[in-house]
Amino acid sequence: MNFSEYQTKARITAIYPKGLSIIYPTLGLCGESGEVAEKVKKYFRDNTDLDSLKFQVRKELGDVLWYISNIASDLNISLDDVAITNIDKLKDRVDRNMLHGSGDNR
């Protein structure tokens, strides 16, 4: 499955109040990102096995992707464009030896 197909399928399942478009999935993204962090934290705390961590994180990352997809859809942005823009930005930083540091515009 590619990003475009995923985004189309994810949009079908996006049932939230229209007055909350962008807001609802953005808040959901924050929550799901926290759940990914919680799984990793508990992996180290409880010394669980790596296969279990992979399974749990894969499910949570799916939820993160769903929210990202629907934020993009609410803004009429394709996930393909998001991916291309990100890779272009990172390549530019590599080319300029600016991967290290901080700030959006480095």
Protein backbone atom coordinates (compact mmCIF):
# COMPACT_ATOMS: atom_id res chain seq x y z
CA MET A 1 0.00 0.00 0.00
CA ASN A 2 1.30 3.47 -0.81
CA PHE A 3 0.65 6.75 1.00
CA SER A 4 -2.05 7.88 -1.39
CA GLU A 5 -4.02 4.67 -1.01
CA TYR A 6 -3.61 4.73 2.77
CA GLN A 7 -4.77 8.34 2.97
CA THR A 8 -7.90 7.57 0.94
CA LYS A 9 -8.75 4.55 3.10
CA ALA A 10 -8.00 6.36 6.36
CA ARG A 11 -10.26 9.24 5.34
CA ILE A 12 -13.23 6.88 5.05
CA THR A 13 -12.85 6.05 8.75
CA ALA A 14 -12.45 9.68 9.86
CA ILE A 15 -15.60 10.24 11.84
CA TYR A 16 -15.25 13.28 14.05
CA PRO A 17 -17.18 16.51 14.42
CA LYS A 18 -16.60 18.66 11.34
CA GLY A 19 -16.28 21.75 13.52
CA LEU A 20 -13.22 20.11 15.01
CA SER A 21 -11.36 19.27 11.81
CA ILE A 22 -7.63 19.74 12.28
CA ILE A 23 -8.14 20.17 16.07
CA TYR A 24 -9.47 16.67 16.73
CA PRO A 25 -6.80 14.75 14.80
CA THR A 26 -4.04 17.01 16.12
CA LEU A 27 -5.02 16.25 19.70
CA GLY A 28 -5.29 12.57 18.81
CA LEU A 29 -1.80 12.66 17.31
CA CYS A 30 -0.42 14.01 20.58
CA GLY A 31 -2.11 11.22 22.53
CA GLU A 32 -1.01 8.44 20.22
CA SER A 33 2.58 9.74 20.09
CA GLY A 34 2.56 9.57 23.87
CA GLU A 35 1.38 5.98 23.69
CA VAL A 36 4.37 5.10 21.48
CA ALA A 37 6.66 6.66 24.08
CA GLU A 38 4.89 4.74 26.86
CA LYS A 39 5.47 1.41 25.09
CA VAL A 40 9.18 2.17 24.72
CA LYS A 41 9.42 3.34 28.35
CA LYS A 42 7.77 0.16 29.61
CA TYR A 43 10.08 -1.94 27.42
CA PHE A 44 13.05 -0.59 29.36
CA ARG A 45 11.31 -0.54 32.73
CA ASP A 46 9.95 -4.07 32.53
CA ASN A 47 12.70 -5.64 30.40
CA THR A 48 10.13 -7.10 28.02
CA ASP A 49 11.15 -8.86 24.84
CA LEU A 50 11.87 -6.97 21.62
CA ASP A 51 9.24 -8.84 19.57
CA SER A 52 6.54 -7.72 22.00
CA LEU A 53 7.75 -4.13 21.77
CA LYS A 54 7.75 -4.26 17.97
CA PHE A 55 4.18 -5.58 17.92
CA GLN A 56 2.90 -2.96 20.34
CA VAL A 57 4.75 -0.05 18.72
CA ARG A 58 3.64 -1.10 15.23
CA LYS A 59 -0.01 -0.82 16.35
CA GLU A 60 0.54 2.57 17.97
CA LEU A 61 2.47 3.88 14.95
CA GLY A 62 -0.51 2.89 12.84
CA ASP A 63 -2.67 5.15 15.00
CA VAL A 64 -0.09 7.95 14.67
CA LEU A 65 -0.16 7.51 10.89
CA TRP A 66 -3.97 7.66 10.87
CA TYR A 67 -3.98 10.98 12.69
CA ILE A 68 -1.21 12.42 10.50
CA SER A 69 -3.11 11.30 7.42
CA ASN A 70 -6.30 12.98 8.54
CA ILE A 71 -4.59 16.23 9.54
CA ALA A 72 -3.11 16.30 6.05
CA SER A 73 -6.50 15.52 4.50
CA ASP A 74 -8.17 18.29 6.51
CA LEU A 75 -5.61 20.68 5.02
CA ASN A 76 -5.84 19.20 1.50
CA ILE A 77 -2.23 18.01 1.65
CA SER A 78 -1.28 14.60 0.29
CA LEU A 79 0.85 12.28 2.39
CA ASP A 80 3.01 11.82 -0.69
CA ASP A 81 3.74 15.57 -0.63
CA VAL A 82 4.47 15.41 3.11
CA ALA A 83 6.96 12.57 2.54
CA ILE A 84 8.63 14.25 -0.43
CA THR A 85 8.90 17.59 1.37
CA ASN A 86 10.45 15.91 4.40
CA ILE A 87 13.02 13.94 2.39
CA ASP A 88 13.91 17.04 0.37
CA LYS A 89 14.41 19.02 3.59
CA LEU A 90 16.60 16.32 5.12
CA LYS A 91 18.64 15.89 1.93
CA ASP A 92 19.25 19.63 1.86
CA ARG A 93 20.48 19.49 5.47
CA VAL A 94 22.78 16.59 4.64
CA ASP A 95 24.13 18.46 1.61
CA ARG A 96 24.84 21.50 3.79
CA ASN A 97 26.13 19.38 6.72
CA MET A 98 23.35 20.75 8.92
CA LEU A 99 21.69 17.61 10.31
CA HIS A 100 23.00 18.48 13.76
CA GLY A 101 21.78 21.50 15.63
CA SER A 102 18.31 22.83 16.26
CA GLY A 103 15.72 24.98 14.62
CA ASP A 104 13.35 24.44 11.73
CA ASN A 105 15.28 26.56 9.23
CA ARG A 106 18.81 25.24 9.61
